[in-house]
Amino acid sequence: MKTIFYLKTCDTCKRILKLLPNTDRFELQDIKTKPITAEQLEEMKKLAGSYEALFSRRATLYKERGLKDQQLTEEDYKNLILEHYTFLNRPVIADGKTVFIGNSKAVTEAAVAHLGNE
């Protein structure tokens, strides 16, 4: 799976996509118009180590639902990500061997360096 999961309407995702080399080798999947499948999420989890690593605590729904006050399990993280795209920490860049999650400067720089070496 060589896929970049992102939001087409997200300025941060668009900025990061412009920085990434070799994106023509990846499928770009706008998670709002083409939701993540359970199989794709399972593959991401294998690379990331957990569903929690893929989960965004910045999502408006996270605060609205009071999820910060709950003890969430791995199953909860999985179900929430599958339920609504906003719970995925994005972008997620997966090449089948490595995954880069989120938009921090360190993650973005690591992804640029990794993709530049392909």
C-alpha atoms as a PDB file:
ATOM      1  CA  MET A   1       0.000   0.000   0.000  1.00  0.00           C
ATOM      2  CA  LYS A   2       1.599   3.237  -1.158  1.00  0.00           C
ATOM      3  CA  THR A   3      -1.007   5.725  -0.093  1.00  0.00           C
ATOM      4  CA  ILE A   4      -1.189   9.209   1.333  1.00  0.00           C
ATOM      5  CA  PHE A   5      -4.324   9.726   3.382  1.00  0.00           C
ATOM      6  CA  TYR A   6      -5.169  13.410   3.582  1.00  0.00           C
ATOM      7  CA  LEU A   7      -7.919  16.004   3.431  1.00  0.00           C
ATOM      8  CA  LYS A   8      -8.150  17.923   0.184  1.00  0.00           C
ATOM      9  CA  THR A   9      -9.580  20.922   2.035  1.00  0.00           C
ATOM     10  CA  CYS A  10      -6.829  21.026   4.690  1.00  0.00           C
ATOM     11  CA  ASP A  11      -4.212  23.726   4.063  1.00  0.00           C
ATOM     12  CA  THR A  12      -1.658  21.896   6.206  1.00  0.00           C
ATOM     13  CA  CYS A  13      -2.085  18.684   4.201  1.00  0.00           C
ATOM     14  CA  LYS A  14      -1.757  20.625   0.940  1.00  0.00           C
ATOM     15  CA  ARG A  15       1.417  22.344   2.187  1.00  0.00           C
ATOM     16  CA  ILE A  16       2.978  19.025   3.196  1.00  0.00           C
ATOM     17  CA  LEU A  17       2.052  17.375  -0.114  1.00  0.00           C
ATOM     18  CA  LYS A  18       3.921  20.150  -1.941  1.00  0.00           C
ATOM     19  CA  LEU A  19       7.046  19.409   0.130  1.00  0.00           C
ATOM     20  CA  LEU A  20       7.020  15.665  -0.515  1.00  0.00           C
ATOM     21  CA  PRO A  21       9.072  14.276  -3.391  1.00  0.00           C
ATOM     22  CA  ASN A  22       7.895  11.327  -5.493  1.00  0.00           C
ATOM     23  CA  THR A  23       4.207  11.624  -4.582  1.00  0.00           C
ATOM     24  CA  ASP A  24       3.398  10.446  -8.107  1.00  0.00           C
ATOM     25  CA  ARG A  25       4.266   6.941  -6.847  1.00  0.00           C
ATOM     26  CA  PHE A  26       1.493   7.136  -4.243  1.00  0.00           C
ATOM     27  CA  GLU A  27      -2.262   6.964  -4.376  1.00  0.00           C
ATOM     28  CA  LEU A  28      -3.658  10.170  -2.898  1.00  0.00           C
ATOM     29  CA  GLN A  29      -6.793   9.377  -0.933  1.00  0.00           C
ATOM     30  CA  ASP A  30      -8.989  12.243   0.245  1.00  0.00           C
ATOM     31  CA  ILE A  31     -10.455  10.634   3.355  1.00  0.00           C
ATOM     32  CA  LYS A  32     -13.545  12.843   3.288  1.00  0.00           C
ATOM     33  CA  THR A  33     -14.693  11.724  -0.165  1.00  0.00           C
ATOM     34  CA  LYS A  34     -13.233   8.198  -0.012  1.00  0.00           C
ATOM     35  CA  PRO A  35     -13.368   6.967   3.594  1.00  0.00           C
ATOM     36  CA  ILE A  36     -10.708   4.694   5.028  1.00  0.00           C
ATOM     37  CA  THR A  37     -11.586   1.018   4.905  1.00  0.00           C
ATOM     38  CA  ALA A  38     -11.108  -1.358   7.825  1.00  0.00           C
ATOM     39  CA  GLU A  39      -8.407  -3.128   5.792  1.00  0.00           C
ATOM     40  CA  GLN A  40      -6.507   0.105   5.151  1.00  0.00           C
ATOM     41  CA  LEU A  41      -6.712   1.039   8.817  1.00  0.00           C
ATOM     42  CA  GLU A  42      -5.443  -2.400   9.828  1.00  0.00           C
ATOM     43  CA  GLU A  43      -2.464  -2.000   7.485  1.00  0.00           C
ATOM     44  CA  MET A  44      -1.715   1.441   8.934  1.00  0.00           C
ATOM     45  CA  LYS A  45      -1.950   0.016  12.449  1.00  0.00           C
ATOM     46  CA  LYS A  46       0.573  -2.710  11.613  1.00  0.00           C
ATOM     47  CA  LEU A  47       3.039  -0.047  10.495  1.00  0.00           C
ATOM     48  CA  ALA A  48       2.256   2.400  13.315  1.00  0.00           C
ATOM     49  CA  GLY A  49       2.053  -0.136  16.137  1.00  0.00           C
ATOM     50  CA  SER A  50      -1.326   0.968  17.462  1.00  0.00           C
ATOM     51  CA  TYR A  51      -4.577   2.647  16.542  1.00  0.00           C
ATOM     52  CA  GLU A  52      -3.868   5.269  19.191  1.00  0.00           C
ATOM     53  CA  ALA A  53      -0.792   6.404  17.217  1.00  0.00           C
ATOM     54  CA  LEU A  54      -3.116   7.166  14.284  1.00  0.00           C
ATOM     55  CA  PHE A  55      -5.704   8.974  16.389  1.00  0.00           C
ATOM     56  CA  SER A  56      -6.069  12.762  16.446  1.00  0.00           C
ATOM     57  CA  ARG A  57      -6.850  14.363  19.771  1.00  0.00           C
ATOM     58  CA  ARG A  58      -7.180  17.717  18.009  1.00  0.00           C
ATOM     59  CA  ALA A  59     -10.447  16.721  16.362  1.00  0.00           C
ATOM     60  CA  THR A  60     -13.376  18.941  17.284  1.00  0.00           C
ATOM     61  CA  LEU A  61     -15.508  15.849  17.851  1.00  0.00           C
ATOM     62  CA  TYR A  62     -12.955  14.605  20.394  1.00  0.00           C
ATOM     63  CA  LYS A  63     -13.699  17.599  22.586  1.00  0.00           C
ATOM     64  CA  GLU A  64     -17.420  17.804  21.778  1.00  0.00           C
ATOM     65  CA  ARG A  65     -17.998  14.196  22.818  1.00  0.00           C
ATOM     66  CA  GLY A  66     -15.937  14.542  25.978  1.00  0.00           C
ATOM     67  CA  LEU A  67     -13.610  11.753  24.876  1.00  0.00           C
ATOM     68  CA  LYS A  68     -10.665  13.350  26.670  1.00  0.00           C
ATOM     69  CA  ASP A  69     -12.367  12.444  29.947  1.00  0.00           C
ATOM     70  CA  GLN A  70     -12.728   8.778  28.991  1.00  0.00           C
ATOM     71  CA  GLN A  71     -10.299   5.869  29.027  1.00  0.00           C
ATOM     72  CA  LEU A  72     -10.262   4.810  25.378  1.00  0.00           C
ATOM     73  CA  THR A  73      -9.167   1.336  24.325  1.00  0.00           C
ATOM     74  CA  GLU A  74      -7.464   0.339  21.078  1.00  0.00           C
ATOM     75  CA  GLU A  75     -10.858  -0.888  19.864  1.00  0.00           C
ATOM     76  CA  ASP A  76     -12.349   2.529  20.668  1.00  0.00           C
ATOM     77  CA  TYR A  77      -9.628   4.304  18.687  1.00  0.00           C
ATOM     78  CA  LYS A  78     -10.181   1.949  15.753  1.00  0.00           C
ATOM     79  CA  ASN A  79     -13.947   2.421  15.748  1.00  0.00           C
ATOM     80  CA  LEU A  80     -13.738   6.200  16.073  1.00  0.00           C
ATOM     81  CA  ILE A  81     -11.302   6.495  13.151  1.00  0.00           C
ATOM     82  CA  LEU A  82     -13.559   4.320  11.007  1.00  0.00           C
ATOM     83  CA  GLU A  83     -16.633   6.259  12.120  1.00  0.00           C
ATOM     84  CA  HIS A  84     -15.410   9.732  11.164  1.00  0.00           C
ATOM     85  CA  TYR A  85     -12.440  10.918   9.100  1.00  0.00           C
ATOM     86  CA  THR A  86     -11.668  13.751  11.505  1.00  0.00           C
ATOM     87  CA  PHE A  87     -10.295  11.271  14.059  1.00  0.00           C
ATOM     88  CA  LEU A  88      -7.380  10.298  11.799  1.00  0.00           C
ATOM     89  CA  ASN A  89      -4.200  12.228  12.559  1.00  0.00           C
ATOM     90  CA  ARG A  90      -3.294  13.428   9.100  1.00  0.00           C
ATOM     91  CA  PRO A  91      -1.716  13.246   6.732  1.00  0.00           C
ATOM     92  CA  VAL A  92      -0.760   9.591   6.931  1.00  0.00           C
ATOM     93  CA  ILE A  93       1.929   8.579   4.459  1.00  0.00           C
ATOM     94  CA  ALA A  94       2.220   4.799   4.151  1.00  0.00           C
ATOM     95  CA  ASP A  95       4.518   2.999   1.723  1.00  0.00           C
ATOM     96  CA  GLY A  96       3.988  -0.568   2.913  1.00  0.00           C
ATOM     97  CA  LYS A  97       7.119  -0.593   5.083  1.00  0.00           C
ATOM     98  CA  THR A  98       7.078   2.774   6.817  1.00  0.00           C
ATOM     99  CA  VAL A  99       4.386   5.131   7.998  1.00  0.00           C
ATOM    100  CA  PHE A 100       4.535   8.840   8.776  1.00  0.00           C
ATOM    101  CA  ILE A 101       1.656  10.194  10.819  1.00  0.00           C
ATOM    102  CA  GLY A 102       0.665  13.781  11.347  1.00  0.00           C
ATOM    103  CA  ASN A 103       1.992  17.172  10.490  1.00  0.00           C
ATOM    104  CA  SER A 104       4.693  17.944  13.016  1.00  0.00           C
ATOM    105  CA  LYS A 105       7.865  19.442  11.634  1.00  0.00           C
ATOM    106  CA  ALA A 106       9.919  16.363  12.630  1.00  0.00           C
ATOM    107  CA  VAL A 107       7.497  13.942  10.953  1.00  0.00           C
ATOM    108  CA  THR A 108       7.315  16.064   7.809  1.00  0.00           C
ATOM    109  CA  GLU A 109      11.114  16.309   7.563  1.00  0.00           C
ATOM    110  CA  ALA A 110      11.480  12.548   8.087  1.00  0.00           C
ATOM    111  CA  ALA A 111       8.892  11.837   5.384  1.00  0.00           C
ATOM    112  CA  VAL A 112      10.579  14.211   2.921  1.00  0.00           C
ATOM    113  CA  ALA A 113      13.957  12.575   3.575  1.00  0.00           C
ATOM    114  CA  HIS A 114      12.541   9.041   3.297  1.00  0.00           C
ATOM    115  CA  LEU A 115      10.632   9.686   0.082  1.00  0.00           C
ATOM    116  CA  GLY A 116      13.606  11.514  -1.399  1.00  0.00           C
ATOM    117  CA  ASN A 117      15.674   8.323  -0.987  1.00  0.00           C
ATOM    118  CA  GLU A 118      13.232   6.144  -2.897  1.00  0.00           C
END
